[in-house]
Amino acid sequence: MSRIGKKPVAVPKGVTAKVEGQNVSIKGAKGELRFTVPDEVRILFEGEQIKVDPIDDSKRARAMWGTSRAMINNLVVGVTKGYEKKLEITGVGYKAAVVGKNLQLSLGYSHDVNFAIPAGVVIATPKPTEITVAGMDKRQVGQVAAEIRAWRGPEPYKGKGVKYEGEFIFRKEGKKK
């Protein structure tokens, strides 16, 4: 039994939920998000709650049960509060700045990296060594943060590169003379 799947998703005041077949649409203060639930799962919208149940006892149905419930909950949280990821840049001369609709990254390459900011995501640089990625879709915010980090991930010797806030970088000892 899925512990996550058993819990119904509460729909707070100010949020409108619509269930049409396998499609779930959630509308709130920040906007509207949609999710198509896999066929192995059944959705029931009762009053102020959305309940998710597996259709049968197959392994895939049980796996999609908890996953679908979590995705619907992410939609509700996204349209009410939104999501945010913070990145830190470490290294001499490494910096970031928002220029128009692009994020300009100086990461030690011979040229600056221009990262196009996708629709639905807001990127801010409060300091040249900090990047904040915010939006209402959790998957999109996480994907954009991962793409920025992929340009220069932290290296284990000096810790230079782009890392998530609070991420632990396993450090290696350099060569001994």
Protein backbone atom coordinates (compact mmCIF):
# COMPACT_ATOMS: atom_id res chain seq x y z
CA MET A 1 0.00 0.00 0.00
CA SER A 2 1.22 3.47 -0.83
CA ARG A 3 1.42 5.71 2.20
CA ILE A 4 1.56 8.78 -0.03
CA GLY A 5 -1.23 7.58 -2.31
CA LYS A 6 -3.65 7.01 0.59
CA LYS A 7 -3.64 10.70 1.58
CA PRO A 8 -6.17 12.84 -0.29
CA VAL A 9 -4.95 16.12 -1.80
CA ALA A 10 -6.65 19.05 -0.08
CA VAL A 11 -7.74 21.86 -2.39
CA PRO A 12 -7.43 25.16 -0.45
CA LYS A 13 -9.76 28.13 -0.81
CA GLY A 14 -8.99 30.29 -3.82
CA VAL A 15 -7.92 27.25 -5.86
CA THR A 16 -10.18 25.70 -8.50
CA ALA A 17 -9.72 22.04 -9.40
CA LYS A 18 -11.24 20.34 -12.44
CA VAL A 19 -11.10 16.60 -13.13
CA GLU A 20 -12.13 15.45 -16.62
CA GLY A 21 -11.39 11.78 -17.17
CA GLN A 22 -7.65 11.35 -16.65
CA ASN A 23 -6.88 15.09 -16.93
CA VAL A 24 -6.49 17.24 -13.82
CA SER A 25 -6.48 21.03 -14.10
CA ILE A 26 -5.65 23.25 -11.11
CA LYS A 27 -6.12 27.02 -11.25
CA GLY A 28 -4.90 29.39 -8.53
CA ALA A 29 -3.48 32.83 -7.84
CA LYS A 30 -0.22 32.20 -9.76
CA GLY A 31 -1.82 30.58 -12.82
CA GLU A 32 -3.04 27.24 -14.13
CA LEU A 33 -1.30 23.86 -14.32
CA ARG A 34 -2.43 20.57 -15.87
CA PHE A 35 -1.47 16.94 -15.45
CA THR A 36 -2.61 13.80 -17.25
CA VAL A 37 -2.84 10.88 -14.85
CA PRO A 38 -1.72 7.43 -16.11
CA ASP A 39 -4.45 4.95 -17.03
CA GLU A 40 -3.52 2.65 -14.12
CA VAL A 41 -4.92 5.21 -11.65
CA ARG A 42 -8.47 6.45 -10.97
CA ILE A 43 -9.20 10.01 -9.76
CA LEU A 44 -12.14 11.11 -7.64
CA PHE A 45 -12.90 14.76 -6.87
CA GLU A 46 -15.00 14.91 -3.70
CA GLY A 47 -15.80 18.30 -2.19
CA GLU A 48 -12.52 19.94 -1.16
CA GLN A 49 -10.32 16.90 -1.84
CA ILE A 50 -8.89 14.96 -4.74
CA LYS A 51 -8.51 11.25 -4.06
CA VAL A 52 -6.30 8.90 -6.08
CA ASP A 53 -6.80 5.10 -6.21
CA PRO A 54 -5.11 2.33 -8.23
CA ILE A 55 -7.32 0.47 -10.70
CA ASP A 56 -5.85 -2.96 -9.84
CA ASP A 57 -3.11 -4.47 -7.69
CA SER A 58 -0.39 -4.60 -10.37
CA LYS A 59 3.08 -3.29 -9.59
CA ARG A 60 2.82 -0.46 -12.12
CA ALA A 61 -0.60 0.65 -10.80
CA ARG A 62 0.74 0.80 -7.24
CA ALA A 63 3.80 2.76 -8.42
CA MET A 64 1.69 5.27 -10.36
CA TRP A 65 -0.71 5.65 -7.41
CA GLY A 66 1.76 7.48 -5.16
CA THR A 67 3.43 9.26 -8.08
CA SER A 68 0.13 10.64 -9.38
CA ARG A 69 -0.91 11.84 -5.93
CA ALA A 70 2.45 13.60 -5.49
CA MET A 71 2.19 15.25 -8.92
CA ILE A 72 -1.32 16.55 -8.17
CA ASN A 73 -0.12 17.89 -4.81
CA ASN A 74 2.79 19.63 -6.61
CA LEU A 75 0.26 21.34 -8.89
CA VAL A 76 -1.73 22.64 -5.90
CA VAL A 77 1.38 23.93 -4.12
CA GLY A 78 2.70 25.43 -7.38
CA VAL A 79 -0.40 27.55 -8.07
CA THR A 80 -0.57 28.76 -4.44
CA LYS A 81 3.04 29.24 -3.25
CA GLY A 82 5.27 28.38 -6.19
CA TYR A 83 8.72 26.78 -6.10
CA GLU A 84 12.22 28.20 -5.81
CA LYS A 85 15.76 26.81 -6.18
CA LYS A 86 18.87 28.73 -5.24
CA LEU A 87 22.28 28.19 -6.82
CA GLU A 88 25.66 29.42 -5.58
CA ILE A 89 28.66 30.20 -7.78
CA THR A 90 32.15 29.68 -6.36
CA GLY A 91 35.37 30.57 -8.17
CA VAL A 92 37.55 33.54 -9.04
CA GLY A 93 35.88 35.51 -11.84
CA TYR A 94 32.81 33.27 -11.89
CA LYS A 95 29.61 35.31 -11.92
CA ALA A 96 26.08 35.54 -13.29
CA ALA A 97 23.83 38.37 -14.47
CA VAL A 98 20.39 38.60 -16.05
CA VAL A 99 20.63 40.47 -19.37
CA GLY A 100 17.23 40.91 -21.01
CA LYS A 101 15.71 37.45 -21.46
CA ASN A 102 19.03 35.65 -21.00
CA LEU A 103 21.13 34.60 -18.04
CA GLN A 104 24.75 35.48 -18.75
CA LEU A 105 27.21 33.17 -16.98
CA SER A 106 30.95 33.77 -16.71
CA LEU A 107 32.29 30.37 -15.71
CA GLY A 108 35.92 30.33 -16.80
CA TYR A 109 35.34 29.51 -20.45
CA SER A 110 36.83 31.64 -23.24
CA HIS A 111 33.38 33.18 -23.76
CA ASP A 112 30.34 33.90 -21.61
CA VAL A 113 27.50 31.39 -21.63
CA ASN A 114 24.09 32.86 -22.55
CA PHE A 115 21.25 30.75 -21.15
CA ALA A 116 17.80 31.61 -22.56
CA ILE A 117 15.27 31.93 -19.72
CA PRO A 118 12.25 29.74 -20.58
CA ALA A 119 8.66 30.94 -20.25
CA GLY A 120 7.11 30.25 -16.86
CA VAL A 121 10.39 30.63 -14.98
CA VAL A 122 11.79 33.74 -13.31
CA ILE A 123 15.54 33.95 -12.78
CA ALA A 124 17.09 36.58 -10.53
CA THR A 125 20.67 37.31 -9.47
CA PRO A 126 20.58 39.16 -6.12
CA LYS A 127 24.41 38.95 -6.04
CA PRO A 128 26.76 38.09 -8.91
CA THR A 129 27.50 34.78 -7.13
CA GLU A 130 23.87 33.78 -6.45
CA ILE A 131 21.12 32.65 -8.81
CA THR A 132 17.47 32.21 -7.84
CA VAL A 133 15.22 30.14 -10.11
CA ALA A 134 11.48 30.46 -9.33
CA GLY A 135 8.22 29.37 -10.93
CA MET A 136 5.02 27.46 -10.34
CA ASP A 137 5.93 24.17 -12.07
CA LYS A 138 8.23 22.13 -9.81
CA ARG A 139 9.59 19.99 -12.66
CA GLN A 140 10.43 23.01 -14.82
CA VAL A 141 12.14 24.90 -11.97
CA GLY A 142 14.23 21.83 -11.12
CA GLN A 143 15.11 21.21 -14.78
CA VAL A 144 16.23 24.82 -15.37
CA ALA A 145 18.35 24.77 -12.20
CA ALA A 146 19.94 21.48 -13.29
CA GLU A 147 20.72 22.88 -16.76
CA ILE A 148 22.41 25.94 -15.24
CA ARG A 149 24.41 23.74 -12.85
CA ALA A 150 25.45 21.48 -15.74
CA TRP A 151 27.43 24.29 -17.40
CA ARG A 152 30.08 24.04 -14.67
CA GLY A 153 29.32 21.60 -11.87
CA PRO A 154 31.39 21.87 -8.69
CA GLU A 155 34.77 20.19 -8.87
CA PRO A 156 36.10 18.21 -5.89
CA TYR A 157 39.50 19.89 -5.38
CA LYS A 158 38.71 23.58 -4.82
CA GLY A 159 34.91 23.42 -5.00
CA LYS A 160 34.78 25.81 -7.96
CA GLY A 161 31.62 25.81 -10.06
CA VAL A 162 27.84 26.11 -9.72
CA LYS A 163 26.15 24.21 -6.87
CA TYR A 164 22.77 24.12 -5.17
CA GLU A 165 22.40 26.07 -1.94
CA GLY A 166 23.29 23.77 0.95
CA GLU A 167 24.74 21.04 -1.32
CA PHE A 168 27.69 19.17 0.17
CA ILE A 169 30.65 18.79 -2.17
CA PHE A 170 32.90 15.86 -1.32
CA ARG A 171 36.40 17.32 -1.35
CA LYS A 172 39.50 15.44 -2.44
CA GLU A 173 43.02 15.98 -1.21
CA GLY A 174 45.45 17.18 -3.84
CA LYS A 175 48.65 15.41 -4.84
CA LYS A 176 51.41 15.38 -2.27
CA LYS A 177 54.91 16.45 -3.22
